[in-house]
Amino acid sequence: MARMAQRLRGYAHRTDIAASAQTVWRALTEAESLARWCSPDAWIRAKPGGLFRATVDRVTQLEAHIDVYEPARRLRLIYLPCAALPVDEAVTDDFMLAADPRGTIVRLIGSGFVASEMGDVQFRRMRTGWERALARLKVFVEQLERKAS
């Protein structure tokens, strides 16, 4: 019997930050800054084919391959398989930055979560973890901008 197609889920977040796209990009891609707003153990080798590592929800340690790296525009992560993310599909987080008259719009699109009991748990953890992390990113970057003014 043919395997039925699995239904996938995703999430979308938007955060408006009163800072330049360059400042937001540095906060996303410099290891020291990332550890300040994302998680204390966060680390990144920011380049095409690089690596991202963090405990996004303060519990789940994840590693991701940097698939797309477009400075001040886009950063896409493809998560590596691990015990905390036991999925058959590629789970991704795609950060997109866009200049706005008031600063920068950060959009995060997460996808690849299988609609199942286990997939739903990980989906909620990632969606909520990133929602909180993006709020911390906004505060962190806007404080940097105020200090620089």
N, C-alpha and C. Protein backbone atom coordinates (compact mmCIF):
# COMPACT_ATOMS: atom_id res chain seq x y z
N MET A 1 0.85 -1.17 0.00
CA MET A 1 0.00 0.00 0.00
C MET A 1 0.90 1.24 0.00
N ALA A 2 0.54 2.24 -0.77
CA ALA A 2 1.33 3.47 -0.86
C ALA A 2 1.21 4.28 0.43
N ARG A 3 2.31 4.87 0.82
CA ARG A 3 2.33 5.70 2.01
C ARG A 3 1.58 7.00 1.75
N MET A 4 0.70 7.37 2.67
CA MET A 4 -0.07 8.61 2.51
C MET A 4 0.85 9.80 2.75
N ALA A 5 0.63 10.85 2.02
CA ALA A 5 1.41 12.07 2.20
C ALA A 5 1.15 12.63 3.59
N GLN A 6 2.21 13.04 4.25
CA GLN A 6 2.07 13.61 5.57
C GLN A 6 1.73 15.09 5.46
N ARG A 7 0.84 15.51 6.32
CA ARG A 7 0.46 16.92 6.36
C ARG A 7 1.50 17.67 7.18
N LEU A 8 2.01 18.77 6.64
CA LEU A 8 3.04 19.54 7.32
C LEU A 8 2.47 20.84 7.87
N ARG A 9 3.11 21.34 8.93
CA ARG A 9 2.70 22.59 9.56
C ARG A 9 3.86 23.56 9.57
N GLY A 10 3.55 24.81 9.74
CA GLY A 10 4.57 25.84 9.85
C GLY A 10 4.06 27.02 10.65
N TYR A 11 4.92 27.97 10.83
CA TYR A 11 4.55 29.18 11.57
C TYR A 11 5.18 30.39 10.88
N ALA A 12 4.63 31.56 11.20
CA ALA A 12 5.15 32.81 10.67
C ALA A 12 5.13 33.85 11.78
N HIS A 13 6.24 34.55 11.92
CA HIS A 13 6.34 35.64 12.89
C HIS A 13 6.81 36.89 12.16
N ARG A 14 6.34 38.02 12.63
CA ARG A 14 6.80 39.32 12.11
C ARG A 14 7.16 40.18 13.31
N THR A 15 8.34 40.78 13.23
CA THR A 15 8.79 41.69 14.29
C THR A 15 9.31 42.96 13.62
N ASP A 16 8.78 44.09 14.04
CA ASP A 16 9.24 45.38 13.53
C ASP A 16 10.26 45.93 14.52
N ILE A 17 11.45 46.25 14.03
CA ILE A 17 12.53 46.70 14.89
C ILE A 17 12.98 48.08 14.44
N ALA A 18 13.06 49.01 15.38
CA ALA A 18 13.48 50.38 15.08
C ALA A 18 15.01 50.43 15.03
N ALA A 19 15.55 49.84 13.98
CA ALA A 19 17.01 49.81 13.77
C ALA A 19 17.26 49.44 12.31
N SER A 20 18.47 49.71 11.87
CA SER A 20 18.82 49.39 10.48
C SER A 20 18.92 47.88 10.27
N ALA A 21 18.76 47.47 9.03
CA ALA A 21 18.89 46.04 8.70
C ALA A 21 20.30 45.53 9.03
N GLN A 22 21.31 46.37 8.86
CA GLN A 22 22.70 45.98 9.18
C GLN A 22 22.84 45.67 10.66
N THR A 23 22.23 46.48 11.52
CA THR A 23 22.31 46.25 12.97
C THR A 23 21.58 44.97 13.34
N VAL A 24 20.41 44.75 12.76
CA VAL A 24 19.66 43.52 13.03
C VAL A 24 20.45 42.32 12.53
N TRP A 25 21.04 42.44 11.35
CA TRP A 25 21.82 41.34 10.77
C TRP A 25 22.99 40.96 11.68
N ARG A 26 23.69 41.96 12.20
CA ARG A 26 24.82 41.68 13.11
C ARG A 26 24.32 40.94 14.35
N ALA A 27 23.16 41.33 14.87
CA ALA A 27 22.62 40.65 16.05
C ALA A 27 22.27 39.19 15.74
N LEU A 28 21.85 38.92 14.51
CA LEU A 28 21.53 37.56 14.09
C LEU A 28 22.77 36.71 13.82
N THR A 29 23.84 37.34 13.37
CA THR A 29 24.96 36.56 12.83
C THR A 29 26.28 36.69 13.60
N GLU A 30 26.35 37.50 14.63
CA GLU A 30 27.55 37.57 15.46
C GLU A 30 27.30 36.75 16.71
N ALA A 31 28.18 35.79 16.98
CA ALA A 31 27.99 34.83 18.07
C ALA A 31 27.75 35.51 19.42
N GLU A 32 28.51 36.54 19.72
CA GLU A 32 28.35 37.22 21.01
C GLU A 32 26.97 37.84 21.16
N SER A 33 26.49 38.50 20.12
CA SER A 33 25.16 39.10 20.15
C SER A 33 24.07 38.03 20.20
N LEU A 34 24.24 36.99 19.41
CA LEU A 34 23.25 35.90 19.37
C LEU A 34 23.05 35.30 20.75
N ALA A 35 24.15 35.12 21.48
CA ALA A 35 24.07 34.55 22.84
C ALA A 35 23.35 35.49 23.81
N ARG A 36 23.32 36.77 23.52
CA ARG A 36 22.66 37.73 24.41
C ARG A 36 21.14 37.70 24.27
N TRP A 37 20.61 37.48 23.05
CA TRP A 37 19.16 37.55 22.88
C TRP A 37 18.50 36.20 22.59
N CYS A 38 19.24 35.26 22.04
CA CYS A 38 18.63 33.98 21.65
C CYS A 38 18.68 32.98 22.80
N SER A 39 19.87 32.56 23.17
CA SER A 39 20.06 31.70 24.34
C SER A 39 21.53 31.79 24.73
N PRO A 40 21.84 31.62 26.01
CA PRO A 40 23.23 31.79 26.46
C PRO A 40 24.24 30.90 25.75
N ASP A 41 23.80 29.74 25.29
CA ASP A 41 24.73 28.82 24.63
C ASP A 41 24.68 28.92 23.10
N ALA A 42 23.96 29.91 22.58
CA ALA A 42 23.83 30.06 21.12
C ALA A 42 25.19 30.35 20.51
N TRP A 43 25.39 29.81 19.34
CA TRP A 43 26.65 29.97 18.61
C TRP A 43 26.35 29.90 17.13
N ILE A 44 27.12 30.63 16.33
CA ILE A 44 26.92 30.61 14.89
C ILE A 44 28.25 30.77 14.17
N ARG A 45 28.41 30.03 13.10
CA ARG A 45 29.49 30.24 12.13
C ARG A 45 28.76 30.79 10.91
N ALA A 46 28.68 32.11 10.85
CA ALA A 46 27.82 32.80 9.89
C ALA A 46 28.49 32.91 8.53
N LYS A 47 28.11 32.00 7.66
CA LYS A 47 28.58 32.00 6.28
C LYS A 47 27.76 30.97 5.52
N PRO A 48 27.78 31.02 4.20
CA PRO A 48 27.08 29.97 3.44
C PRO A 48 27.66 28.61 3.82
N GLY A 49 26.82 27.66 4.15
CA GLY A 49 27.27 26.35 4.57
C GLY A 49 27.71 26.29 6.02
N GLY A 50 27.50 27.39 6.77
CA GLY A 50 27.91 27.47 8.16
C GLY A 50 26.99 26.70 9.09
N LEU A 51 27.14 26.94 10.38
CA LEU A 51 26.41 26.20 11.40
C LEU A 51 25.80 27.15 12.42
N PHE A 52 24.60 26.83 12.86
CA PHE A 52 23.89 27.54 13.91
C PHE A 52 23.58 26.53 15.01
N ARG A 53 23.80 26.93 16.25
CA ARG A 53 23.49 26.04 17.38
C ARG A 53 22.86 26.88 18.49
N ALA A 54 21.76 26.39 19.06
CA ALA A 54 21.11 27.11 20.15
C ALA A 54 20.14 26.20 20.88
N THR A 55 19.79 26.62 22.08
CA THR A 55 18.72 26.01 22.83
C THR A 55 17.56 26.99 22.73
N VAL A 56 16.77 26.83 21.69
CA VAL A 56 15.76 27.83 21.34
C VAL A 56 14.69 27.98 22.41
N ASP A 57 14.23 26.89 22.99
CA ASP A 57 13.18 26.98 24.00
C ASP A 57 13.72 26.76 25.41
N ARG A 58 15.00 26.94 25.59
CA ARG A 58 15.71 26.75 26.87
C ARG A 58 15.77 25.29 27.30
N VAL A 59 15.28 24.38 26.48
CA VAL A 59 15.31 22.95 26.79
C VAL A 59 15.94 22.16 25.64
N THR A 60 15.52 22.44 24.43
CA THR A 60 15.88 21.65 23.27
C THR A 60 17.12 22.20 22.57
N GLN A 61 18.21 21.43 22.57
CA GLN A 61 19.45 21.82 21.88
C GLN A 61 19.31 21.43 20.41
N LEU A 62 19.48 22.41 19.52
CA LEU A 62 19.35 22.17 18.09
C LEU A 62 20.57 22.68 17.34
N GLU A 63 20.87 22.02 16.23
CA GLU A 63 21.90 22.48 15.32
C GLU A 63 21.29 22.57 13.94
N ALA A 64 21.76 23.56 13.18
CA ALA A 64 21.21 23.76 11.83
C ALA A 64 22.33 24.15 10.88
N HIS A 65 22.18 23.70 9.67
CA HIS A 65 23.04 24.06 8.54
C HIS A 65 22.52 25.38 7.97
N ILE A 66 23.42 26.32 7.69
CA ILE A 66 23.02 27.57 7.06
C ILE A 66 22.97 27.35 5.55
N ASP A 67 21.76 27.28 5.06
CA ASP A 67 21.50 26.97 3.66
C ASP A 67 21.54 28.21 2.77
N VAL A 68 20.96 29.30 3.27
CA VAL A 68 20.93 30.56 2.53
C VAL A 68 21.53 31.63 3.44
N TYR A 69 22.47 32.40 2.88
CA TYR A 69 23.15 33.45 3.62
C TYR A 69 23.29 34.67 2.71
N GLU A 70 22.40 35.63 2.89
CA GLU A 70 22.40 36.86 2.09
C GLU A 70 22.48 38.02 3.07
N PRO A 71 23.68 38.57 3.32
CA PRO A 71 23.86 39.60 4.34
C PRO A 71 22.81 40.71 4.31
N ALA A 72 22.31 40.98 5.51
CA ALA A 72 21.29 42.01 5.77
C ALA A 72 19.97 41.75 5.05
N ARG A 73 19.79 40.53 4.51
CA ARG A 73 18.54 40.20 3.80
C ARG A 73 17.91 38.89 4.25
N ARG A 74 18.71 37.80 4.27
CA ARG A 74 18.09 36.49 4.48
C ARG A 74 19.07 35.49 5.08
N LEU A 75 18.54 34.69 6.01
CA LEU A 75 19.29 33.61 6.65
C LEU A 75 18.34 32.43 6.81
N ARG A 76 18.67 31.32 6.13
CA ARG A 76 17.80 30.14 6.25
C ARG A 76 18.56 29.02 6.92
N LEU A 77 17.92 28.42 7.92
CA LEU A 77 18.49 27.31 8.67
C LEU A 77 17.75 26.03 8.33
N ILE A 78 18.49 24.96 8.08
CA ILE A 78 17.91 23.63 7.92
C ILE A 78 18.41 22.81 9.11
N TYR A 79 17.49 22.40 9.95
CA TYR A 79 17.87 21.71 11.18
C TYR A 79 18.39 20.30 10.91
N LEU A 80 19.43 19.95 11.63
CA LEU A 80 20.02 18.61 11.53
C LEU A 80 19.21 17.66 12.41
N PRO A 81 19.10 16.40 12.00
CA PRO A 81 18.34 15.44 12.81
C PRO A 81 18.95 15.29 14.21
N CYS A 82 18.09 15.19 15.20
CA CYS A 82 18.52 14.96 16.58
C CYS A 82 17.36 14.33 17.34
N ALA A 83 17.63 13.89 18.56
CA ALA A 83 16.59 13.23 19.36
C ALA A 83 15.42 14.16 19.63
N ALA A 84 15.70 15.45 19.78
CA ALA A 84 14.64 16.42 20.08
C ALA A 84 13.80 16.78 18.86
N LEU A 85 14.29 16.45 17.68
CA LEU A 85 13.60 16.81 16.44
C LEU A 85 13.57 15.59 15.52
N PRO A 86 12.88 14.53 15.96
CA PRO A 86 12.86 13.28 15.17
C PRO A 86 11.83 13.34 14.05
N VAL A 87 12.22 13.94 12.95
CA VAL A 87 11.29 14.08 11.83
C VAL A 87 11.92 13.54 10.55
N ASP A 88 11.06 13.16 9.62
CA ASP A 88 11.52 12.68 8.33
C ASP A 88 11.63 13.82 7.31
N GLU A 89 10.96 14.92 7.59
CA GLU A 89 10.94 16.06 6.68
C GLU A 89 12.02 17.06 7.09
N ALA A 90 12.41 17.92 6.18
CA ALA A 90 13.37 18.99 6.50
C ALA A 90 12.63 20.08 7.27
N VAL A 91 13.11 20.38 8.46
CA VAL A 91 12.56 21.46 9.27
C VAL A 91 13.45 22.67 9.05
N THR A 92 12.84 23.78 8.68
CA THR A 92 13.61 24.99 8.37
C THR A 92 13.06 26.20 9.12
N ASP A 93 13.95 27.16 9.32
CA ASP A 93 13.58 28.50 9.78
C ASP A 93 14.22 29.46 8.80
N ASP A 94 13.42 30.35 8.25
CA ASP A 94 13.87 31.28 7.22
C ASP A 94 13.66 32.71 7.73
N PHE A 95 14.76 33.40 8.05
CA PHE A 95 14.72 34.78 8.52
C PHE A 95 14.86 35.69 7.31
N MET A 96 13.92 36.62 7.14
CA MET A 96 13.98 37.57 6.04
C MET A 96 13.88 38.98 6.60
N LEU A 97 14.81 39.83 6.22
CA LEU A 97 14.86 41.21 6.68
C LEU A 97 14.48 42.14 5.54
N ALA A 98 13.69 43.16 5.86
CA ALA A 98 13.29 44.15 4.86
C ALA A 98 13.35 45.54 5.49
N ALA A 99 13.98 46.46 4.78
CA ALA A 99 14.05 47.84 5.26
C ALA A 99 12.65 48.44 5.26
N ASP A 100 12.41 49.29 6.22
CA ASP A 100 11.13 49.96 6.40
C ASP A 100 11.45 51.39 6.83
N PRO A 101 10.61 52.37 6.52
CA PRO A 101 10.92 53.74 6.95
C PRO A 101 11.17 53.87 8.46
N ARG A 102 10.59 52.98 9.24
CA ARG A 102 10.76 53.04 10.69
C ARG A 102 11.86 52.12 11.19
N GLY A 103 12.53 51.39 10.30
CA GLY A 103 13.58 50.48 10.73
C GLY A 103 13.65 49.25 9.85
N THR A 104 13.47 48.09 10.47
CA THR A 104 13.58 46.81 9.75
C THR A 104 12.43 45.90 10.14
N ILE A 105 11.86 45.25 9.15
CA ILE A 105 10.86 44.21 9.40
C ILE A 105 11.58 42.88 9.33
N VAL A 106 11.44 42.08 10.39
CA VAL A 106 12.02 40.73 10.41
C VAL A 106 10.86 39.75 10.30
N ARG A 107 10.93 38.92 9.29
CA ARG A 107 9.93 37.86 9.13
C ARG A 107 10.65 36.53 9.34
N LEU A 108 10.02 35.65 10.09
CA LEU A 108 10.54 34.31 10.31
C LEU A 108 9.47 33.32 9.90
N ILE A 109 9.82 32.47 8.95
CA ILE A 109 8.91 31.42 8.48
C ILE A 109 9.53 30.08 8.87
N GLY A 110 8.83 29.33 9.70
CA GLY A 110 9.26 27.99 10.09
C GLY A 110 8.40 26.98 9.38
N SER A 111 8.99 25.90 8.90
CA SER A 111 8.20 24.90 8.17
C SER A 111 8.79 23.51 8.32
N GLY A 112 7.96 22.52 7.96
CA GLY A 112 8.41 21.14 7.92
C GLY A 112 7.99 20.29 9.10
N PHE A 113 7.08 20.77 9.92
CA PHE A 113 6.65 20.01 11.09
C PHE A 113 5.49 19.09 10.71
N VAL A 114 5.67 17.82 10.93
CA VAL A 114 4.64 16.83 10.61
C VAL A 114 3.49 16.98 11.60
N ALA A 115 2.27 16.99 11.10
CA ALA A 115 1.08 17.08 11.95
C ALA A 115 0.84 15.71 12.58
N SER A 116 1.42 15.52 13.76
CA SER A 116 1.28 14.30 14.54
C SER A 116 1.45 14.68 16.00
N GLU A 117 1.25 13.74 16.90
CA GLU A 117 1.38 14.06 18.32
C GLU A 117 2.79 14.58 18.64
N MET A 118 3.82 13.87 18.21
CA MET A 118 5.20 14.29 18.46
C MET A 118 5.53 15.56 17.67
N GLY A 119 5.10 15.64 16.43
CA GLY A 119 5.36 16.82 15.62
C GLY A 119 4.69 18.05 16.18
N ASP A 120 3.50 17.90 16.75
CA ASP A 120 2.78 19.03 17.34
C ASP A 120 3.53 19.59 18.55
N VAL A 121 4.10 18.72 19.36
CA VAL A 121 4.86 19.16 20.53
C VAL A 121 6.07 19.99 20.08
N GLN A 122 6.82 19.47 19.13
CA GLN A 122 8.00 20.20 18.66
C GLN A 122 7.60 21.49 17.93
N PHE A 123 6.52 21.45 17.18
CA PHE A 123 6.01 22.64 16.50
C PHE A 123 5.71 23.74 17.52
N ARG A 124 4.98 23.40 18.59
CA ARG A 124 4.63 24.40 19.61
C ARG A 124 5.88 24.94 20.30
N ARG A 125 6.83 24.05 20.60
CA ARG A 125 8.07 24.50 21.26
C ARG A 125 8.83 25.49 20.38
N MET A 126 8.99 25.15 19.12
CA MET A 126 9.74 26.02 18.22
C MET A 126 9.01 27.33 17.96
N ARG A 127 7.71 27.24 17.69
CA ARG A 127 6.92 28.46 17.42
C ARG A 127 6.97 29.41 18.61
N THR A 128 6.74 28.89 19.81
CA THR A 128 6.74 29.72 21.01
C THR A 128 8.15 30.19 21.35
N GLY A 129 9.14 29.31 21.21
CA GLY A 129 10.52 29.68 21.50
C GLY A 129 10.99 30.83 20.62
N TRP A 130 10.70 30.75 19.32
CA TRP A 130 11.10 31.82 18.41
C TRP A 130 10.30 33.10 18.64
N GLU A 131 9.03 32.97 18.98
CA GLU A 131 8.23 34.16 19.27
C GLU A 131 8.86 34.95 20.41
N ARG A 132 9.26 34.25 21.47
CA ARG A 132 9.89 34.91 22.61
C ARG A 132 11.27 35.43 22.26
N ALA A 133 12.03 34.65 21.50
CA ALA A 133 13.38 35.07 21.11
C ALA A 133 13.34 36.32 20.24
N LEU A 134 12.38 36.41 19.33
CA LEU A 134 12.28 37.59 18.48
C LEU A 134 11.91 38.84 19.29
N ALA A 135 11.11 38.66 20.35
CA ALA A 135 10.81 39.79 21.23
C ALA A 135 12.09 40.26 21.93
N ARG A 136 12.94 39.31 22.36
CA ARG A 136 14.21 39.67 22.98
C ARG A 136 15.16 40.32 21.97
N LEU A 137 15.13 39.84 20.71
CA LEU A 137 15.95 40.44 19.65
C LEU A 137 15.57 41.91 19.48
N LYS A 138 14.28 42.19 19.43
CA LYS A 138 13.80 43.56 19.26
C LYS A 138 14.33 44.45 20.38
N VAL A 139 14.19 44.02 21.62
CA VAL A 139 14.66 44.82 22.76
C VAL A 139 16.17 45.00 22.69
N PHE A 140 16.90 43.93 22.42
CA PHE A 140 18.36 43.98 22.35
C PHE A 140 18.83 44.97 21.29
N VAL A 141 18.31 44.85 20.08
CA VAL A 141 18.76 45.69 18.97
C VAL A 141 18.35 47.15 19.19
N GLU A 142 17.14 47.38 19.66
CA GLU A 142 16.71 48.76 19.87
C GLU A 142 17.52 49.44 20.98
N GLN A 143 17.95 48.68 21.99
CA GLN A 143 18.82 49.24 23.02
C GLN A 143 20.19 49.59 22.42
N LEU A 144 20.70 48.75 21.53
CA LEU A 144 21.97 49.05 20.85
C LEU A 144 21.84 50.36 20.06
N GLU A 145 20.74 50.51 19.35
CA GLU A 145 20.52 51.72 18.55
C GLU A 145 20.47 52.97 19.42
N ARG A 146 19.77 52.86 20.57
CA ARG A 146 19.69 54.02 21.47
C ARG A 146 21.05 54.40 22.01
N LYS A 147 21.87 53.41 22.37
CA LYS A 147 23.22 53.68 22.90
C LYS A 147 24.11 54.31 21.82
N ALA A 148 23.91 53.90 20.57
CA ALA A 148 24.72 54.43 19.47
C ALA A 148 24.34 55.85 19.09
N SER A 149 23.12 56.27 19.45
CA SER A 149 22.63 57.62 19.06
C SER A 149 23.23 58.71 19.92
